[in-house]
Amino acid sequence: MHQRLAFVDTAAVVTPAGTFRQSVHLIPDYGSKVDSTKGNWIRHVYYSRYVGVSKVVYTNNQTWELVSFTIKR
């Protein structure tokens, strides 16, 4: 079974290393199956060009965390 990925237009990503204006985001299409009021869950996994992999973790107050990033030279 393949996960469907939705493309999101380029957007800036802010990391401890600085702000990256160019990034490409792919979002797995499974968030609607989970009730965020029942607990924490991963909504977005970002494969960001020039940054690496980040993920958005929604809690009841919709906070997020960046789990990793890389700077390509």
PDB file of N, CA and C in Angstrom:
ATOM      1  N   MET A   1       0.828  -1.175   0.000  1.00  0.00           N
ATOM      2  CA  MET A   1       0.000   0.000   0.000  1.00  0.00           C
ATOM      3  C   MET A   1       0.881   1.251   0.000  1.00  0.00           C
ATOM      4  N   HIS A   2       0.626   2.159  -0.925  1.00  0.00           N
ATOM      5  CA  HIS A   2       1.411   3.385  -1.032  1.00  0.00           C
ATOM      6  C   HIS A   2       0.702   4.521  -0.316  1.00  0.00           C
ATOM      7  N   GLN A   3       1.489   5.327   0.378  1.00  0.00           N
ATOM      8  CA  GLN A   3       0.928   6.529   0.975  1.00  0.00           C
ATOM      9  C   GLN A   3       0.824   7.600  -0.086  1.00  0.00           C
ATOM     10  N   ARG A   4      -0.279   8.299  -0.099  1.00  0.00           N
ATOM     11  CA  ARG A   4      -0.404   9.422  -1.019  1.00  0.00           C
ATOM     12  C   ARG A   4       0.318  10.618  -0.429  1.00  0.00           C
ATOM     13  N   LEU A   5       1.020  11.339  -1.280  1.00  0.00           N
ATOM     14  CA  LEU A   5       1.729  12.536  -0.847  1.00  0.00           C
ATOM     15  C   LEU A   5       1.159  13.741  -1.577  1.00  0.00           C
ATOM     16  N   ALA A   6       0.886  14.789  -0.852  1.00  0.00           N
ATOM     17  CA  ALA A   6       0.414  16.027  -1.452  1.00  0.00           C
ATOM     18  C   ALA A   6       1.575  17.012  -1.514  1.00  0.00           C
ATOM     19  N   PHE A   7       1.686  17.699  -2.620  1.00  0.00           N
ATOM     20  CA  PHE A   7       2.746  18.693  -2.777  1.00  0.00           C
ATOM     21  C   PHE A   7       2.268  20.025  -2.222  1.00  0.00           C
ATOM     22  N   VAL A   8       3.100  20.661  -1.443  1.00  0.00           N
ATOM     23  CA  VAL A   8       2.810  21.993  -0.922  1.00  0.00           C
ATOM     24  C   VAL A   8       3.798  22.960  -1.551  1.00  0.00           C
ATOM     25  N   ASP A   9       3.309  24.108  -1.946  1.00  0.00           N
ATOM     26  CA  ASP A   9       4.160  25.100  -2.598  1.00  0.00           C
ATOM     27  C   ASP A   9       5.366  25.433  -1.730  1.00  0.00           C
ATOM     28  N   THR A  10       6.404  25.952  -2.350  1.00  0.00           N
ATOM     29  CA  THR A  10       7.619  26.269  -1.603  1.00  0.00           C
ATOM     30  C   THR A  10       7.319  27.257  -0.489  1.00  0.00           C
ATOM     31  N   ALA A  11       7.992  27.080   0.617  1.00  0.00           N
ATOM     32  CA  ALA A  11       7.803  27.954   1.773  1.00  0.00           C
ATOM     33  C   ALA A  11       9.112  28.055   2.521  1.00  0.00           C
ATOM     34  N   ALA A  12       9.255  29.109   3.279  1.00  0.00           N
ATOM     35  CA  ALA A  12      10.477  29.294   4.067  1.00  0.00           C
ATOM     36  C   ALA A  12      10.486  28.339   5.250  1.00  0.00           C
ATOM     37  N   VAL A  13      11.677  27.880   5.615  1.00  0.00           N
ATOM     38  CA  VAL A  13      11.860  27.025   6.783  1.00  0.00           C
ATOM     39  C   VAL A  13      12.896  27.687   7.674  1.00  0.00           C
ATOM     40  N   VAL A  14      12.575  27.837   8.944  1.00  0.00           N
ATOM     41  CA  VAL A  14      13.491  28.448   9.901  1.00  0.00           C
ATOM     42  C   VAL A  14      14.108  27.347  10.750  1.00  0.00           C
ATOM     43  N   THR A  15      15.434  27.295  10.801  1.00  0.00           N
ATOM     44  CA  THR A  15      16.149  26.299  11.598  1.00  0.00           C
ATOM     45  C   THR A  15      17.147  27.027  12.489  1.00  0.00           C
ATOM     46  N   PRO A  16      17.747  26.325  13.448  1.00  0.00           N
ATOM     47  CA  PRO A  16      18.794  26.968  14.247  1.00  0.00           C
ATOM     48  C   PRO A  16      19.959  27.482  13.399  1.00  0.00           C
ATOM     49  N   ALA A  17      20.137  26.928  12.210  1.00  0.00           N
ATOM     50  CA  ALA A  17      21.231  27.357  11.336  1.00  0.00           C
ATOM     51  C   ALA A  17      20.870  28.576  10.501  1.00  0.00           C
ATOM     52  N   GLY A  18      19.613  28.978  10.509  1.00  0.00           N
ATOM     53  CA  GLY A  18      19.200  30.134   9.723  1.00  0.00           C
ATOM     54  C   GLY A  18      17.883  29.885   9.017  1.00  0.00           C
ATOM     55  N   THR A  19      17.477  30.837   8.208  1.00  0.00           N
ATOM     56  CA  THR A  19      16.226  30.739   7.463  1.00  0.00           C
ATOM     57  C   THR A  19      16.520  30.340   6.025  1.00  0.00           C
ATOM     58  N   PHE A  20      15.782  29.358   5.528  1.00  0.00           N
ATOM     59  CA  PHE A  20      15.937  28.883   4.156  1.00  0.00           C
ATOM     60  C   PHE A  20      14.689  29.286   3.379  1.00  0.00           C
ATOM     61  N   ARG A  21      14.865  30.111   2.354  1.00  0.00           N
ATOM     62  CA  ARG A  21      13.713  30.591   1.590  1.00  0.00           C
ATOM     63  C   ARG A  21      13.140  29.512   0.686  1.00  0.00           C
ATOM     64  N   GLN A  22      13.982  28.613   0.193  1.00  0.00           N
ATOM     65  CA  GLN A  22      13.557  27.613  -0.784  1.00  0.00           C
ATOM     66  C   GLN A  22      13.390  26.257  -0.116  1.00  0.00           C
ATOM     67  N   SER A  23      12.198  25.740  -0.093  1.00  0.00           N
ATOM     68  CA  SER A  23      11.994  24.385   0.412  1.00  0.00           C
ATOM     69  C   SER A  23      10.804  23.772  -0.305  1.00  0.00           C
ATOM     70  N   VAL A  24      10.810  22.472  -0.420  1.00  0.00           N
ATOM     71  CA  VAL A  24       9.713  21.746  -1.054  1.00  0.00           C
ATOM     72  C   VAL A  24       9.143  20.794  -0.020  1.00  0.00           C
ATOM     73  N   HIS A  25       7.849  20.808   0.164  1.00  0.00           N
ATOM     74  CA  HIS A  25       7.218  20.002   1.195  1.00  0.00           C
ATOM     75  C   HIS A  25       6.318  18.937   0.580  1.00  0.00           C
ATOM     76  N   LEU A  26       6.418  17.735   1.096  1.00  0.00           N
ATOM     77  CA  LEU A  26       5.516  16.643   0.749  1.00  0.00           C
ATOM     78  C   LEU A  26       4.765  16.251   2.006  1.00  0.00           C
ATOM     79  N   ILE A  27       3.453  16.152   1.915  1.00  0.00           N
ATOM     80  CA  ILE A  27       2.644  15.903   3.096  1.00  0.00           C
ATOM     81  C   ILE A  27       1.876  14.595   2.924  1.00  0.00           C
ATOM     82  N   PRO A  28       2.116  13.587   3.783  1.00  0.00           N
ATOM     83  CA  PRO A  28       1.341  12.344   3.714  1.00  0.00           C
ATOM     84  C   PRO A  28      -0.134  12.619   3.975  1.00  0.00           C
ATOM     85  N   ASP A  29      -0.980  11.933   3.249  1.00  0.00           N
ATOM     86  CA  ASP A  29      -2.418  12.162   3.344  1.00  0.00           C
ATOM     87  C   ASP A  29      -3.034  11.171   4.332  1.00  0.00           C
ATOM     88  N   TYR A  30      -2.742  11.342   5.609  1.00  0.00           N
ATOM     89  CA  TYR A  30      -3.376  10.479   6.607  1.00  0.00           C
ATOM     90  C   TYR A  30      -3.844  11.241   7.834  1.00  0.00           C
ATOM     91  N   GLY A  31      -3.661  12.542   7.861  1.00  0.00           N
ATOM     92  CA  GLY A  31      -3.999  13.320   9.051  1.00  0.00           C
ATOM     93  C   GLY A  31      -5.478  13.339   9.371  1.00  0.00           C
ATOM     94  N   SER A  32      -6.331  13.251   8.363  1.00  0.00           N
ATOM     95  CA  SER A  32      -7.757  13.341   8.623  1.00  0.00           C
ATOM     96  C   SER A  32      -8.297  12.112   9.349  1.00  0.00           C
ATOM     97  N   LYS A  33      -7.508  11.049   9.402  1.00  0.00           N
ATOM     98  CA  LYS A  33      -7.963   9.820  10.061  1.00  0.00           C
ATOM     99  C   LYS A  33      -7.679   9.833  11.562  1.00  0.00           C
ATOM    100  N   VAL A  34      -7.016  10.885  12.045  1.00  0.00           N
ATOM    101  CA  VAL A  34      -6.599  10.931  13.442  1.00  0.00           C
ATOM    102  C   VAL A  34      -7.238  12.143  14.108  1.00  0.00           C
ATOM    103  N   ASP A  35      -7.708  11.949  15.336  1.00  0.00           N
ATOM    104  CA  ASP A  35      -8.309  13.046  16.090  1.00  0.00           C
ATOM    105  C   ASP A  35      -7.246  13.665  16.983  1.00  0.00           C
ATOM    106  N   SER A  36      -6.821  14.885  16.669  1.00  0.00           N
ATOM    107  CA  SER A  36      -5.730  15.501  17.417  1.00  0.00           C
ATOM    108  C   SER A  36      -6.135  15.880  18.833  1.00  0.00           C
ATOM    109  N   THR A  37      -7.418  15.916  19.119  1.00  0.00           N
ATOM    110  CA  THR A  37      -7.842  16.233  20.485  1.00  0.00           C
ATOM    111  C   THR A  37      -7.661  15.051  21.421  1.00  0.00           C
ATOM    112  N   LYS A  38      -7.401  13.875  20.875  1.00  0.00           N
ATOM    113  CA  LYS A  38      -7.220  12.667  21.690  1.00  0.00           C
ATOM    114  C   LYS A  38      -5.769  12.427  22.070  1.00  0.00           C
ATOM    115  N   GLY A  39      -4.851  13.185  21.517  1.00  0.00           N
ATOM    116  CA  GLY A  39      -3.439  12.989  21.847  1.00  0.00           C
ATOM    117  C   GLY A  39      -2.548  13.562  20.767  1.00  0.00           C
ATOM    118  N   ASN A  40      -1.253  13.438  20.955  1.00  0.00           N
ATOM    119  CA  ASN A  40      -0.280  13.949  19.997  1.00  0.00           C
ATOM    120  C   ASN A  40      -0.194  13.017  18.790  1.00  0.00           C
ATOM    121  N   TRP A  41       0.045  13.563  17.653  1.00  0.00           N
ATOM    122  CA  TRP A  41       0.187  12.748  16.449  1.00  0.00           C
ATOM    123  C   TRP A  41       0.958  13.520  15.404  1.00  0.00           C
ATOM    124  N   ILE A  42       1.596  12.784  14.517  1.00  0.00           N
ATOM    125  CA  ILE A  42       2.391  13.398  13.447  1.00  0.00           C
ATOM    126  C   ILE A  42       1.452  13.711  12.287  1.00  0.00           C
ATOM    127  N   ARG A  43       1.411  14.950  11.873  1.00  0.00           N
ATOM    128  CA  ARG A  43       0.552  15.334  10.755  1.00  0.00           C
ATOM    129  C   ARG A  43       1.339  15.515   9.468  1.00  0.00           C
ATOM    130  N   HIS A  44       2.455  16.183   9.531  1.00  0.00           N
ATOM    131  CA  HIS A  44       3.216  16.466   8.318  1.00  0.00           C
ATOM    132  C   HIS A  44       4.633  15.931   8.436  1.00  0.00           C
ATOM    133  N   VAL A  45       5.099  15.296   7.401  1.00  0.00           N
ATOM    134  CA  VAL A  45       6.514  14.968   7.283  1.00  0.00           C
ATOM    135  C   VAL A  45       7.030  15.781   6.105  1.00  0.00           C
ATOM    136  N   TYR A  46       8.006  16.617   6.343  1.00  0.00           N
ATOM    137  CA  TYR A  46       8.515  17.502   5.306  1.00  0.00           C
ATOM    138  C   TYR A  46       9.849  16.980   4.787  1.00  0.00           C
ATOM    139  N   TYR A  47       9.962  16.855   3.493  1.00  0.00           N
ATOM    140  CA  TYR A  47      11.242  16.587   2.862  1.00  0.00           C
ATOM    141  C   TYR A  47      11.657  17.905   2.223  1.00  0.00           C
ATOM    142  N   SER A  48      12.464  18.670   2.924  1.00  0.00           N
ATOM    143  CA  SER A  48      12.727  20.050   2.540  1.00  0.00           C
ATOM    144  C   SER A  48      14.054  20.161   1.810  1.00  0.00           C
ATOM    145  N   ARG A  49      13.990  20.625   0.593  1.00  0.00           N
ATOM    146  CA  ARG A  49      15.192  20.825  -0.205  1.00  0.00           C
ATOM    147  C   ARG A  49      16.095  21.817   0.503  1.00  0.00           C
ATOM    148  N   TYR A  50      17.374  21.504   0.585  1.00  0.00           N
ATOM    149  CA  TYR A  50      18.413  22.292   1.246  1.00  0.00           C
ATOM    150  C   TYR A  50      18.324  22.242   2.768  1.00  0.00           C
ATOM    151  N   VAL A  51      17.345  21.582   3.324  1.00  0.00           N
ATOM    152  CA  VAL A  51      17.215  21.551   4.777  1.00  0.00           C
ATOM    153  C   VAL A  51      17.330  20.134   5.308  1.00  0.00           C
ATOM    154  N   GLY A  52      16.619  19.171   4.724  1.00  0.00           N
ATOM    155  CA  GLY A  52      16.633  17.807   5.224  1.00  0.00           C
ATOM    156  C   GLY A  52      15.224  17.357   5.524  1.00  0.00           C
ATOM    157  N   VAL A  53      15.075  16.587   6.564  1.00  0.00           N
ATOM    158  CA  VAL A  53      13.769  16.049   6.925  1.00  0.00           C
ATOM    159  C   VAL A  53      13.298  16.727   8.204  1.00  0.00           C
ATOM    160  N   SER A  54      12.095  17.236   8.184  1.00  0.00           N
ATOM    161  CA  SER A  54      11.500  17.768   9.400  1.00  0.00           C
ATOM    162  C   SER A  54      10.111  17.178   9.544  1.00  0.00           C
ATOM    163  N   LYS A  55       9.553  17.253  10.729  1.00  0.00           N
ATOM    164  CA  LYS A  55       8.193  16.778  10.893  1.00  0.00           C
ATOM    165  C   LYS A  55       7.424  17.755  11.760  1.00  0.00           C
ATOM    166  N   VAL A  56       6.143  17.836  11.514  1.00  0.00           N
ATOM    167  CA  VAL A  56       5.272  18.665  12.324  1.00  0.00           C
ATOM    168  C   VAL A  56       4.498  17.743  13.246  1.00  0.00           C
ATOM    169  N   VAL A  57       4.602  17.972  14.538  1.00  0.00           N
ATOM    170  CA  VAL A  57       3.860  17.191  15.515  1.00  0.00           C
ATOM    171  C   VAL A  57       2.800  18.099  16.111  1.00  0.00           C
ATOM    172  N   TYR A  58       1.541  17.752  15.888  1.00  0.00           N
ATOM    173  CA  TYR A  58       0.451  18.534  16.446  1.00  0.00           C
ATOM    174  C   TYR A  58       0.110  18.021  17.833  1.00  0.00           C
ATOM    175  N   THR A  59      -0.004  18.937  18.768  1.00  0.00           N
ATOM    176  CA  THR A  59      -0.550  18.616  20.079  1.00  0.00           C
ATOM    177  C   THR A  59      -1.885  19.350  20.181  1.00  0.00           C
ATOM    178  N   ASN A  60      -2.469  19.345  21.332  1.00  0.00           N
ATOM    179  CA  ASN A  60      -3.748  20.042  21.470  1.00  0.00           C
ATOM    180  C   ASN A  60      -3.639  21.536  21.186  1.00  0.00           C
ATOM    181  N   ASN A  61      -2.454  22.107  21.378  1.00  0.00           N
ATOM    182  CA  ASN A  61      -2.278  23.526  21.047  1.00  0.00           C
ATOM    183  C   ASN A  61      -1.503  23.715  19.744  1.00  0.00           C
ATOM    184  N   GLN A  62      -1.359  22.672  18.955  1.00  0.00           N
ATOM    185  CA  GLN A  62      -0.766  22.702  17.615  1.00  0.00           C
ATOM    186  C   GLN A  62       0.651  23.253  17.603  1.00  0.00           C
ATOM    187  N   THR A  63       1.493  22.734  18.466  1.00  0.00           N
ATOM    188  CA  THR A  63       2.906  23.074  18.408  1.00  0.00           C
ATOM    189  C   THR A  63       3.599  22.138  17.430  1.00  0.00           C
ATOM    190  N   TRP A  64       4.821  22.480  17.040  1.00  0.00           N
ATOM    191  CA  TRP A  64       5.562  21.619  16.119  1.00  0.00           C
ATOM    192  C   TRP A  64       7.011  21.582  16.531  1.00  0.00           C
ATOM    193  N   GLU A  65       7.710  20.565  16.016  1.00  0.00           N
ATOM    194  CA  GLU A  65       9.140  20.464  16.264  1.00  0.00           C
ATOM    195  C   GLU A  65       9.861  20.067  14.993  1.00  0.00           C
ATOM    196  N   LEU A  66      11.066  20.590  14.838  1.00  0.00           N
ATOM    197  CA  LEU A  66      11.947  20.206  13.740  1.00  0.00           C
ATOM    198  C   LEU A  66      12.840  19.092  14.255  1.00  0.00           C
ATOM    199  N   VAL A  67      12.785  17.912  13.616  1.00  0.00           N
ATOM    200  CA  VAL A  67      13.536  16.779  14.148  1.00  0.00           C
ATOM    201  C   VAL A  67      14.933  16.675  13.570  1.00  0.00           C
ATOM    202  N   SER A  68      15.154  17.158  12.352  1.00  0.00           N
ATOM    203  CA  SER A  68      16.500  17.122  11.799  1.00  0.00           C
ATOM    204  C   SER A  68      16.590  18.080  10.625  1.00  0.00           C
ATOM    205  N   PHE A  69      17.804  18.507  10.339  1.00  0.00           N
ATOM    206  CA  PHE A  69      18.017  19.305   9.148  1.00  0.00           C
ATOM    207  C   PHE A  69      19.467  19.148   8.723  1.00  0.00           C
ATOM    208  N   THR A  70      19.726  19.369   7.442  1.00  0.00           N
ATOM    209  CA  THR A  70      21.082  19.324   6.923  1.00  0.00           C
ATOM    210  C   THR A  70      21.292  20.540   6.036  1.00  0.00           C
ATOM    211  N   ILE A  71      22.524  20.955   5.927  1.00  0.00           N
ATOM    212  CA  ILE A  71      22.872  22.043   5.020  1.00  0.00           C
ATOM    213  C   ILE A  71      23.728  21.457   3.912  1.00  0.00           C
ATOM    214  N   LYS A  72      23.184  21.442   2.700  1.00  0.00           N
ATOM    215  CA  LYS A  72      23.920  20.903   1.555  1.00  0.00           C
ATOM    216  C   LYS A  72      24.873  21.964   1.040  1.00  0.00           C
ATOM    217  N   ARG A  73      26.087  21.553   0.735  1.00  0.00           N
ATOM    218  CA  ARG A  73      27.076  22.507   0.226  1.00  0.00           C
ATOM    219  C   ARG A  73      27.278  22.307  -1.257  1.00  0.00           C
TER     220      ARG A  73
END
